[in-house]
Amino acid sequence: AETSPLAFAACTGIVAQSSSGEIVHGRNLDYDFAKTLESVTLVVDFARDGKTLFTAVTFGPNPTFNTAVRWGSFSVTQNERDR
Protein backbone atom coordinates (compact mmCIF):
# COMPACT_ATOMS: atom_id res chain seq x y z
CA ALA A 1 0.00 0.00 0.00
CA GLU A 2 1.17 3.53 -0.73
CA THR A 3 1.77 5.54 2.44
CA SER A 4 3.07 8.86 1.12
CA PRO A 5 0.57 11.74 1.42
CA LEU A 6 1.74 12.78 -2.05
CA ALA A 7 0.50 9.46 -3.46
CA PHE A 8 -2.99 10.94 -3.69
CA ALA A 9 -2.10 14.42 -4.96
CA ALA A 10 -4.53 15.78 -7.52
CA CYS A 11 -4.27 19.49 -8.24
CA THR A 12 -6.72 21.10 -10.62
CA GLY A 13 -6.78 24.52 -12.29
CA ILE A 14 -9.63 26.15 -14.18
CA VAL A 15 -10.00 29.34 -16.23
CA ALA A 16 -13.42 30.87 -16.88
CA GLN A 17 -14.85 34.08 -18.28
CA SER A 18 -17.87 35.86 -16.80
CA SER A 19 -20.65 37.34 -18.90
CA SER A 20 -19.06 40.77 -18.31
CA GLY A 21 -15.74 39.54 -19.75
CA GLU A 22 -13.83 39.16 -16.49
CA ILE A 23 -11.33 36.28 -16.56
CA VAL A 24 -11.16 34.16 -13.40
CA HIS A 25 -8.38 31.64 -12.68
CA GLY A 26 -8.91 29.23 -9.80
CA ARG A 27 -7.16 26.15 -8.50
CA ASN A 28 -7.18 23.67 -5.66
CA LEU A 29 -4.60 21.53 -3.90
CA ASP A 30 -6.14 18.17 -3.02
CA TYR A 31 -3.45 17.01 -0.64
CA ASP A 32 -4.32 14.67 2.22
CA PHE A 33 -2.39 16.99 4.56
CA ALA A 34 -4.33 20.21 3.92
CA LYS A 35 -4.58 21.01 7.64
CA THR A 36 -0.78 21.03 7.87
CA LEU A 37 -0.49 23.32 4.84
CA GLU A 38 -2.88 25.84 6.40
CA SER A 39 -0.28 26.75 9.01
CA VAL A 40 2.59 27.22 6.54
CA THR A 41 0.84 28.82 3.53
CA LEU A 42 2.43 32.11 2.44
CA VAL A 43 1.18 34.76 0.01
CA VAL A 44 4.29 36.58 -1.26
CA ASP A 45 4.40 39.84 -3.22
CA PHE A 46 7.48 40.15 -5.41
CA ALA A 47 8.24 43.84 -5.81
CA ARG A 48 10.70 46.19 -7.47
CA ASP A 49 10.99 49.88 -6.65
CA GLY A 50 7.94 49.64 -4.38
CA LYS A 51 5.68 48.20 -7.11
CA THR A 52 4.33 44.64 -6.93
CA LEU A 53 5.46 42.69 -10.00
CA PHE A 54 3.56 39.51 -9.16
CA THR A 55 2.02 37.66 -6.24
CA ALA A 56 2.63 33.98 -5.52
CA VAL A 57 1.34 31.37 -3.08
CA THR A 58 3.87 28.98 -1.54
CA PHE A 59 4.39 26.87 1.56
CA GLY A 60 7.16 27.73 4.01
CA PRO A 61 10.01 27.00 3.92
CA ASN A 62 9.65 25.99 0.25
CA PRO A 63 11.60 28.44 -1.99
CA THR A 64 9.37 27.77 -5.03
CA PHE A 65 5.71 28.37 -5.86
CA ASN A 66 2.88 26.57 -7.65
CA THR A 67 0.58 29.54 -8.20
CA ALA A 68 1.34 33.12 -9.26
CA VAL A 69 -0.42 36.11 -10.77
CA ARG A 70 0.73 39.32 -12.41
CA TRP A 71 -2.35 41.44 -11.81
CA GLY A 72 -3.93 42.70 -15.02
CA SER A 73 -1.68 40.51 -17.15
CA PHE A 74 -1.48 36.72 -16.54
CA SER A 75 -1.60 33.91 -14.01
CA VAL A 76 0.11 30.52 -13.85
CA THR A 77 -0.33 27.28 -11.91
CA GLN A 78 1.54 24.01 -11.72
CA ASN A 79 -0.89 21.11 -11.42
CA GLU A 80 -0.18 17.46 -10.79
CA ARG A 81 -1.88 14.07 -10.89
CA ASP A 82 -0.08 11.12 -9.40
CA ARG A 83 -2.44 8.43 -10.62
C-alpha atoms as a PDB file:
ATOM      1  CA  ALA A   1       0.000   0.000   0.000  1.00  0.00           C
ATOM      2  CA  GLU A   2       1.165   3.535  -0.726  1.00  0.00           C
ATOM      3  CA  THR A   3       1.770   5.541   2.438  1.00  0.00           C
ATOM      4  CA  SER A   4       3.068   8.862   1.121  1.00  0.00           C
ATOM      5  CA  PRO A   5       0.567  11.738   1.420  1.00  0.00           C
ATOM      6  CA  LEU A   6       1.737  12.780  -2.050  1.00  0.00           C
ATOM      7  CA  ALA A   7       0.504   9.464  -3.457  1.00  0.00           C
ATOM      8  CA  PHE A   8      -2.985  10.940  -3.691  1.00  0.00           C
ATOM      9  CA  ALA A   9      -2.104  14.416  -4.961  1.00  0.00           C
ATOM     10  CA  ALA A  10      -4.532  15.778  -7.522  1.00  0.00           C
ATOM     11  CA  CYS A  11      -4.267  19.491  -8.243  1.00  0.00           C
ATOM     12  CA  THR A  12      -6.720  21.104 -10.620  1.00  0.00           C
ATOM     13  CA  GLY A  13      -6.778  24.517 -12.287  1.00  0.00           C
ATOM     14  CA  ILE A  14      -9.629  26.155 -14.179  1.00  0.00           C
ATOM     15  CA  VAL A  15     -10.002  29.338 -16.225  1.00  0.00           C
ATOM     16  CA  ALA A  16     -13.422  30.866 -16.877  1.00  0.00           C
ATOM     17  CA  GLN A  17     -14.850  34.082 -18.281  1.00  0.00           C
ATOM     18  CA  SER A  18     -17.868  35.859 -16.799  1.00  0.00           C
ATOM     19  CA  SER A  19     -20.645  37.336 -18.896  1.00  0.00           C
ATOM     20  CA  SER A  20     -19.056  40.767 -18.306  1.00  0.00           C
ATOM     21  CA  GLY A  21     -15.741  39.541 -19.754  1.00  0.00           C
ATOM     22  CA  GLU A  22     -13.828  39.163 -16.488  1.00  0.00           C
ATOM     23  CA  ILE A  23     -11.328  36.281 -16.556  1.00  0.00           C
ATOM     24  CA  VAL A  24     -11.162  34.155 -13.400  1.00  0.00           C
ATOM     25  CA  HIS A  25      -8.381  31.642 -12.684  1.00  0.00           C
ATOM     26  CA  GLY A  26      -8.908  29.231  -9.803  1.00  0.00           C
ATOM     27  CA  ARG A  27      -7.160  26.153  -8.501  1.00  0.00           C
ATOM     28  CA  ASN A  28      -7.180  23.671  -5.663  1.00  0.00           C
ATOM     29  CA  LEU A  29      -4.601  21.528  -3.902  1.00  0.00           C
ATOM     30  CA  ASP A  30      -6.137  18.171  -3.017  1.00  0.00           C
ATOM     31  CA  TYR A  31      -3.449  17.010  -0.636  1.00  0.00           C
ATOM     32  CA  ASP A  32      -4.317  14.675   2.220  1.00  0.00           C
ATOM     33  CA  PHE A  33      -2.392  16.986   4.565  1.00  0.00           C
ATOM     34  CA  ALA A  34      -4.330  20.212   3.920  1.00  0.00           C
ATOM     35  CA  LYS A  35      -4.585  21.012   7.639  1.00  0.00           C
ATOM     36  CA  THR A  36      -0.782  21.033   7.873  1.00  0.00           C
ATOM     37  CA  LEU A  37      -0.490  23.318   4.839  1.00  0.00           C
ATOM     38  CA  GLU A  38      -2.885  25.840   6.400  1.00  0.00           C
ATOM     39  CA  SER A  39      -0.278  26.748   9.012  1.00  0.00           C
ATOM     40  CA  VAL A  40       2.593  27.218   6.539  1.00  0.00           C
ATOM     41  CA  THR A  41       0.842  28.823   3.525  1.00  0.00           C
ATOM     42  CA  LEU A  42       2.430  32.109   2.442  1.00  0.00           C
ATOM     43  CA  VAL A  43       1.184  34.760   0.013  1.00  0.00           C
ATOM     44  CA  VAL A  44       4.286  36.579  -1.259  1.00  0.00           C
ATOM     45  CA  ASP A  45       4.397  39.836  -3.219  1.00  0.00           C
ATOM     46  CA  PHE A  46       7.482  40.145  -5.409  1.00  0.00           C
ATOM     47  CA  ALA A  47       8.244  43.841  -5.814  1.00  0.00           C
ATOM     48  CA  ARG A  48      10.701  46.186  -7.469  1.00  0.00           C
ATOM     49  CA  ASP A  49      10.991  49.880  -6.653  1.00  0.00           C
ATOM     50  CA  GLY A  50       7.944  49.644  -4.377  1.00  0.00           C
ATOM     51  CA  LYS A  51       5.684  48.203  -7.108  1.00  0.00           C
ATOM     52  CA  THR A  52       4.328  44.643  -6.934  1.00  0.00           C
ATOM     53  CA  LEU A  53       5.456  42.688 -10.003  1.00  0.00           C
ATOM     54  CA  PHE A  54       3.562  39.513  -9.160  1.00  0.00           C
ATOM     55  CA  THR A  55       2.021  37.662  -6.245  1.00  0.00           C
ATOM     56  CA  ALA A  56       2.631  33.978  -5.517  1.00  0.00           C
ATOM     57  CA  VAL A  57       1.343  31.369  -3.079  1.00  0.00           C
ATOM     58  CA  THR A  58       3.866  28.985  -1.535  1.00  0.00           C
ATOM     59  CA  PHE A  59       4.391  26.874   1.557  1.00  0.00           C
ATOM     60  CA  GLY A  60       7.158  27.731   4.007  1.00  0.00           C
ATOM     61  CA  PRO A  61      10.011  26.997   3.925  1.00  0.00           C
ATOM     62  CA  ASN A  62       9.648  25.987   0.248  1.00  0.00           C
ATOM     63  CA  PRO A  63      11.599  28.438  -1.990  1.00  0.00           C
ATOM     64  CA  THR A  64       9.372  27.769  -5.033  1.00  0.00           C
ATOM     65  CA  PHE A  65       5.711  28.367  -5.863  1.00  0.00           C
ATOM     66  CA  ASN A  66       2.878  26.568  -7.651  1.00  0.00           C
ATOM     67  CA  THR A  67       0.579  29.543  -8.203  1.00  0.00           C
ATOM     68  CA  ALA A  68       1.344  33.119  -9.265  1.00  0.00           C
ATOM     69  CA  VAL A  69      -0.418  36.114 -10.774  1.00  0.00           C
ATOM     70  CA  ARG A  70       0.732  39.318 -12.409  1.00  0.00           C
ATOM     71  CA  TRP A  71      -2.355  41.442 -11.806  1.00  0.00           C
ATOM     72  CA  GLY A  72      -3.932  42.702 -15.024  1.00  0.00           C
ATOM     73  CA  SER A  73      -1.677  40.514 -17.147  1.00  0.00           C
ATOM     74  CA  PHE A  74      -1.479  36.722 -16.544  1.00  0.00           C
ATOM     75  CA  SER A  75      -1.596  33.906 -14.010  1.00  0.00           C
ATOM     76  CA  VAL A  76       0.106  30.516 -13.850  1.00  0.00           C
ATOM     77  CA  THR A  77      -0.326  27.284 -11.913  1.00  0.00           C
ATOM     78  CA  GLN A  78       1.539  24.014 -11.724  1.00  0.00           C
ATOM     79  CA  ASN A  79      -0.893  21.105 -11.420  1.00  0.00           C
ATOM     80  CA  GLU A  80      -0.178  17.455 -10.791  1.00  0.00           C
ATOM     81  CA  ARG A  81      -1.879  14.070 -10.886  1.00  0.00           C
ATOM     82  CA  ASP A  82      -0.075  11.115  -9.403  1.00  0.00           C
ATOM     83  CA  ARG A  83      -2.441   8.425 -10.615  1.00  0.00           C
END
